[in-house]
């Protein structure tokens, strides 16, 4: 499902027009991005938790040259689904 299809489906379910729904989704994504930059996690009830995690620095080896390089630490976005969704996906529902 692409963005246009998602907005159309969401607009149909909520009863809003597509333009207002697009604004709502954009504002939601902007707010989530701001929270992630402040290192806050976001829990969406009955869906899951979005959080930032810090990956520690590590040494990697270039397989073609054998050269060792230090990879600096970085923040990555992580999603942990609700147990109900895990069970639904595992069961193939």
Protein backbone atom coordinates (compact mmCIF):
# COMPACT_ATOMS: atom_id res chain seq x y z
CA UNK A 1 0.00 0.00 0.00
CA UNK A 2 1.51 3.32 -1.00
CA UNK A 3 0.92 6.72 0.64
CA UNK A 4 -1.94 7.72 -1.70
CA UNK A 5 -3.80 4.46 -1.09
CA UNK A 6 -3.23 4.74 2.66
CA UNK A 7 -4.58 8.30 2.78
CA UNK A 8 -7.63 7.30 0.71
CA UNK A 9 -8.37 4.35 3.02
CA UNK A 10 -7.90 6.45 6.14
CA UNK A 11 -10.09 9.25 4.75
CA UNK A 12 -12.83 6.76 3.97
CA UNK A 13 -12.71 5.26 7.46
CA UNK A 14 -12.70 8.60 9.27
CA UNK A 15 -15.11 10.48 7.05
CA UNK A 16 -12.67 13.34 6.41
CA UNK A 17 -11.62 14.41 2.94
CA UNK A 18 -8.25 13.32 1.56
CA UNK A 19 -6.65 16.77 1.92
CA UNK A 20 -7.45 17.01 5.64
CA UNK A 21 -6.37 13.42 6.18
CA UNK A 22 -3.02 14.10 4.47
CA UNK A 23 -2.48 17.12 6.76
CA UNK A 24 -3.30 14.96 9.79
CA UNK A 25 -0.84 12.25 8.77
CA UNK A 26 1.89 14.81 8.01
CA UNK A 27 1.42 16.47 11.41
CA UNK A 28 1.50 13.08 13.12
CA UNK A 29 4.76 12.14 11.40
CA UNK A 30 6.31 15.53 12.22
CA UNK A 31 5.34 15.17 15.90
CA UNK A 32 6.76 11.66 16.01
CA UNK A 33 9.99 12.85 14.41
CA UNK A 34 10.32 15.62 16.99
CA UNK A 35 9.82 13.11 19.81
CA UNK A 36 12.45 10.77 18.37
CA UNK A 37 14.98 13.61 18.11
CA UNK A 38 14.40 14.32 21.81
CA UNK A 39 15.08 10.60 22.48
CA UNK A 40 11.49 9.91 23.59
CA UNK A 41 9.63 6.72 22.82
CA UNK A 42 6.06 6.68 21.53
CA UNK A 43 3.56 4.04 22.61
CA UNK A 44 0.54 3.63 20.35
CA UNK A 45 -2.17 1.75 22.25
CA UNK A 46 -3.06 -1.65 20.77
CA UNK A 47 -0.29 -1.28 18.16
CA UNK A 48 3.20 -1.07 19.63
CA UNK A 49 6.09 1.10 20.77
CA UNK A 50 8.43 3.20 18.62
CA UNK A 51 11.72 4.02 20.29
CA UNK A 52 15.24 5.13 19.50
CA UNK A 53 18.10 2.89 20.52
CA UNK A 54 21.80 3.67 20.56
CA UNK A 55 24.03 1.27 18.65
CA UNK A 56 27.47 1.19 20.21
CA UNK A 57 30.60 1.80 18.22
CA UNK A 58 32.08 -1.32 16.69
CA UNK A 59 34.89 -2.53 14.52
CA UNK A 60 34.00 -3.90 11.10
CA UNK A 61 36.18 -5.56 8.50
CA UNK A 62 35.96 -4.82 4.79
CA UNK A 63 35.75 -8.32 3.29
CA UNK A 64 37.47 -7.42 0.03
CA UNK A 65 40.48 -5.62 1.52
CA UNK A 66 40.60 -7.00 5.05
CA UNK A 67 40.89 -3.42 6.35
CA UNK A 68 39.46 -2.87 9.82
CA UNK A 69 37.36 0.26 10.38
CA UNK A 70 35.75 1.81 13.43
CA UNK A 71 32.03 2.45 12.97
CA UNK A 72 30.89 5.30 15.25
CA UNK A 73 27.89 4.99 17.56
CA UNK A 74 24.53 5.98 16.13
CA UNK A 75 20.84 6.17 17.00
CA UNK A 76 18.44 3.84 15.19
CA UNK A 77 14.64 3.72 15.21
CA UNK A 78 13.13 0.53 16.57
CA UNK A 79 9.53 -0.74 16.59
CA UNK A 80 8.24 -3.32 19.02
CA UNK A 81 4.73 -4.50 18.09
CA UNK A 82 2.02 -5.25 20.61
CA UNK A 83 1.79 -8.93 21.60
CA UNK A 84 -1.65 -9.19 19.94
CA UNK A 85 -0.16 -8.15 16.58
CA UNK A 86 2.75 -10.55 17.03
CA UNK A 87 0.30 -13.40 17.60
CA UNK A 88 -1.84 -12.41 14.58
CA UNK A 89 1.21 -12.28 12.29
CA UNK A 90 2.60 -15.52 13.65
CA UNK A 91 -0.76 -17.24 13.11
CA UNK A 92 -1.07 -15.91 9.56
CA UNK A 93 -4.35 -14.08 10.24
